[in-house]
Amino acid sequence: MSDYEDLFHTDSVGKLPVMYHMRLDESVRPTVCAPRRILLTMKDKVLQELERMTKLGIISPVEEATSWVSAMAATVKKDGTAKVFSILDAKCGFWQIPLDEESSRLTTFMTPFGR
């Protein structure tokens, strides 16, 4: 990708003109995960990535209680840079599919800084 960096937008995300509704298996019980710890040396990078994703409209802070809360994970890549991701991260592959309000609550994730 770095060879063709000028072909990829980093300041915007395209979106499909439809809203997706996630269907749940009624037999599955909701879970709420506690936030995972992050290295102090990664704190600023994690905050920057969360702010970038918020600015792009990919995520938004959640103040109210939700039944489903996943844990966010932050790792250090081989080149020493940080990578922030949640269970939904697939190299940003699904960011262009907007979720309806009900479904978006199912994708809530916990960070050391809140939901």
C-alpha atoms as a PDB file:
ATOM      1  CA  MET A   1       0.000   0.000   0.000  1.00  0.00           C
ATOM      2  CA  SER A   2       2.826   2.425   0.732  1.00  0.00           C
ATOM      3  CA  ASP A   3       3.881   2.326  -2.942  1.00  0.00           C
ATOM      4  CA  TYR A   4       0.445   3.688  -3.883  1.00  0.00           C
ATOM      5  CA  GLU A   5      -0.190   5.850  -0.830  1.00  0.00           C
ATOM      6  CA  ASP A   6      -1.430   8.754  -2.973  1.00  0.00           C
ATOM      7  CA  LEU A   7      -4.358   6.586  -4.142  1.00  0.00           C
ATOM      8  CA  PHE A   8      -5.750   6.017  -0.647  1.00  0.00           C
ATOM      9  CA  HIS A   9      -7.600   8.683   1.328  1.00  0.00           C
ATOM     10  CA  THR A  10      -6.604   8.962   4.965  1.00  0.00           C
ATOM     11  CA  ASP A  11      -8.798  11.947   5.788  1.00  0.00           C
ATOM     12  CA  SER A  12     -12.165  10.533   4.707  1.00  0.00           C
ATOM     13  CA  VAL A  13     -14.050   7.266   4.406  1.00  0.00           C
ATOM     14  CA  GLY A  14     -16.504   6.448   1.648  1.00  0.00           C
ATOM     15  CA  LYS A  15     -19.892   5.133   2.739  1.00  0.00           C
ATOM     16  CA  LEU A  16     -22.468   2.959   1.060  1.00  0.00           C
ATOM     17  CA  PRO A  17     -25.899   4.590   0.619  1.00  0.00           C
ATOM     18  CA  VAL A  18     -27.622   1.966   2.802  1.00  0.00           C
ATOM     19  CA  MET A  19     -27.893   1.277   6.519  1.00  0.00           C
ATOM     20  CA  TYR A  20     -27.048  -2.198   7.731  1.00  0.00           C
ATOM     21  CA  HIS A  21     -29.024  -3.920  10.488  1.00  0.00           C
ATOM     22  CA  MET A  22     -27.263  -6.648  12.456  1.00  0.00           C
ATOM     23  CA  ARG A  23     -29.407  -9.660  13.364  1.00  0.00           C
ATOM     24  CA  LEU A  24     -28.708 -11.345  16.678  1.00  0.00           C
ATOM     25  CA  ASP A  25     -29.057 -14.973  17.605  1.00  0.00           C
ATOM     26  CA  GLU A  26     -31.562 -14.704  20.470  1.00  0.00           C
ATOM     27  CA  SER A  27     -29.860 -17.554  22.340  1.00  0.00           C
ATOM     28  CA  VAL A  28     -26.624 -15.555  22.732  1.00  0.00           C
ATOM     29  CA  ARG A  29     -26.305 -13.608  25.968  1.00  0.00           C
ATOM     30  CA  PRO A  30     -24.864 -10.080  25.928  1.00  0.00           C
ATOM     31  CA  THR A  31     -21.425  -9.543  27.447  1.00  0.00           C
ATOM     32  CA  VAL A  32     -19.698  -6.487  28.842  1.00  0.00           C
ATOM     33  CA  CYS A  33     -15.892  -6.572  28.793  1.00  0.00           C
ATOM     34  CA  ALA A  34     -13.665  -4.502  31.035  1.00  0.00           C
ATOM     35  CA  PRO A  35     -11.124  -2.213  29.381  1.00  0.00           C
ATOM     36  CA  ARG A  36      -7.737  -3.733  28.654  1.00  0.00           C
ATOM     37  CA  ARG A  37      -4.634  -2.001  29.901  1.00  0.00           C
ATOM     38  CA  ILE A  38      -2.414  -0.212  27.442  1.00  0.00           C
ATOM     39  CA  LEU A  39       1.263   0.574  27.762  1.00  0.00           C
ATOM     40  CA  LEU A  40       1.909   4.086  29.029  1.00  0.00           C
ATOM     41  CA  THR A  41       4.184   4.621  26.027  1.00  0.00           C
ATOM     42  CA  MET A  42       1.217   3.906  23.707  1.00  0.00           C
ATOM     43  CA  LYS A  43      -1.337   6.140  25.439  1.00  0.00           C
ATOM     44  CA  ASP A  44      -0.862   9.161  23.152  1.00  0.00           C
ATOM     45  CA  LYS A  45      -0.904   7.039  19.979  1.00  0.00           C
ATOM     46  CA  VAL A  46      -4.089   5.295  21.098  1.00  0.00           C
ATOM     47  CA  LEU A  47      -5.767   8.613  21.904  1.00  0.00           C
ATOM     48  CA  GLN A  48      -4.707  10.020  18.515  1.00  0.00           C
ATOM     49  CA  GLU A  49      -6.155   7.027  16.672  1.00  0.00           C
ATOM     50  CA  LEU A  50      -9.432   7.182  18.612  1.00  0.00           C
ATOM     51  CA  GLU A  51      -9.673  10.917  17.855  1.00  0.00           C
ATOM     52  CA  ARG A  52      -8.948  10.265  14.170  1.00  0.00           C
ATOM     53  CA  MET A  53     -11.636   7.583  13.998  1.00  0.00           C
ATOM     54  CA  THR A  54     -14.097   9.917  15.756  1.00  0.00           C
ATOM     55  CA  LYS A  55     -13.279  12.758  13.346  1.00  0.00           C
ATOM     56  CA  LEU A  56     -13.857  10.422  10.378  1.00  0.00           C
ATOM     57  CA  GLY A  57     -17.256   9.449  11.798  1.00  0.00           C
ATOM     58  CA  ILE A  58     -16.245   5.809  12.259  1.00  0.00           C
ATOM     59  CA  ILE A  59     -16.800   5.781  16.020  1.00  0.00           C
ATOM     60  CA  SER A  60     -18.549   8.044  18.507  1.00  0.00           C
ATOM     61  CA  PRO A  61     -18.426   8.191  22.301  1.00  0.00           C
ATOM     62  CA  VAL A  62     -21.210   6.308  24.091  1.00  0.00           C
ATOM     63  CA  GLU A  63     -22.462   7.748  27.379  1.00  0.00           C
ATOM     64  CA  GLU A  64     -25.489   5.538  28.061  1.00  0.00           C
ATOM     65  CA  ALA A  65     -25.307   1.929  29.214  1.00  0.00           C
ATOM     66  CA  THR A  66     -25.316  -0.734  26.496  1.00  0.00           C
ATOM     67  CA  SER A  67     -25.801  -4.498  26.789  1.00  0.00           C
ATOM     68  CA  TRP A  68     -22.881  -5.367  24.525  1.00  0.00           C
ATOM     69  CA  VAL A  69     -19.393  -3.975  25.198  1.00  0.00           C
ATOM     70  CA  SER A  70     -16.253  -5.444  23.617  1.00  0.00           C
ATOM     71  CA  ALA A  71     -12.696  -4.734  24.707  1.00  0.00           C
ATOM     72  CA  MET A  72     -10.370  -2.640  22.571  1.00  0.00           C
ATOM     73  CA  ALA A  73      -6.844  -3.936  22.055  1.00  0.00           C
ATOM     74  CA  ALA A  74      -3.717  -1.936  21.277  1.00  0.00           C
ATOM     75  CA  THR A  75      -0.587  -3.643  20.001  1.00  0.00           C
ATOM     76  CA  VAL A  76       2.840  -2.622  18.803  1.00  0.00           C
ATOM     77  CA  LYS A  77       3.600  -3.628  15.224  1.00  0.00           C
ATOM     78  CA  LYS A  78       6.976  -5.048  14.170  1.00  0.00           C
ATOM     79  CA  ASP A  79       8.084  -1.629  12.925  1.00  0.00           C
ATOM     80  CA  GLY A  80       7.455  -0.119  16.381  1.00  0.00           C
ATOM     81  CA  THR A  81       4.320   1.831  15.485  1.00  0.00           C
ATOM     82  CA  ALA A  82       1.102   1.301  17.397  1.00  0.00           C
ATOM     83  CA  LYS A  83      -2.003  -0.330  16.001  1.00  0.00           C
ATOM     84  CA  VAL A  84      -5.340   0.278  17.686  1.00  0.00           C
ATOM     85  CA  PHE A  85      -8.190  -2.027  16.900  1.00  0.00           C
ATOM     86  CA  SER A  86     -11.372  -3.535  18.202  1.00  0.00           C
ATOM     87  CA  ILE A  87     -12.965  -6.853  17.363  1.00  0.00           C
ATOM     88  CA  LEU A  88     -14.473  -5.234  14.246  1.00  0.00           C
ATOM     89  CA  ASP A  89     -11.163  -4.188  12.710  1.00  0.00           C
ATOM     90  CA  ALA A  90     -10.435  -5.899   9.407  1.00  0.00           C
ATOM     91  CA  LYS A  91      -7.968  -3.359   8.015  1.00  0.00           C
ATOM     92  CA  CYS A  92     -10.846  -0.854   7.898  1.00  0.00           C
ATOM     93  CA  GLY A  93     -12.758  -3.142   5.539  1.00  0.00           C
ATOM     94  CA  PHE A  94     -16.179  -2.518   7.011  1.00  0.00           C
ATOM     95  CA  TRP A  95     -15.906   1.177   7.824  1.00  0.00           C
ATOM     96  CA  GLN A  96     -17.834   2.124   4.676  1.00  0.00           C
ATOM     97  CA  ILE A  97     -20.956   0.202   5.788  1.00  0.00           C
ATOM     98  CA  PRO A  98     -23.044   2.423   8.084  1.00  0.00           C
ATOM     99  CA  LEU A  99     -24.994   0.686  10.858  1.00  0.00           C
ATOM    100  CA  ASP A 100     -28.460   1.648  12.007  1.00  0.00           C
ATOM    101  CA  GLU A 101     -28.730   3.032  15.567  1.00  0.00           C
ATOM    102  CA  GLU A 102     -29.739  -0.288  17.142  1.00  0.00           C
ATOM    103  CA  SER A 103     -26.873  -2.163  15.485  1.00  0.00           C
ATOM    104  CA  SER A 104     -24.313   0.508  16.333  1.00  0.00           C
ATOM    105  CA  ARG A 105     -25.001  -0.103  20.040  1.00  0.00           C
ATOM    106  CA  LEU A 106     -23.976  -3.747  19.526  1.00  0.00           C
ATOM    107  CA  THR A 107     -20.511  -2.627  18.433  1.00  0.00           C
ATOM    108  CA  THR A 108     -19.695  -0.562  21.533  1.00  0.00           C
ATOM    109  CA  PHE A 109     -16.157  -1.114  22.750  1.00  0.00           C
ATOM    110  CA  MET A 110     -14.420  -0.168  25.981  1.00  0.00           C
ATOM    111  CA  THR A 111     -11.164   1.754  26.090  1.00  0.00           C
ATOM    112  CA  PRO A 112      -9.168   2.891  29.117  1.00  0.00           C
ATOM    113  CA  PHE A 113     -10.664   6.336  28.344  1.00  0.00           C
ATOM    114  CA  GLY A 114     -14.330   5.284  28.171  1.00  0.00           C
ATOM    115  CA  ARG A 115     -16.747   3.871  25.612  1.00  0.00           C
END
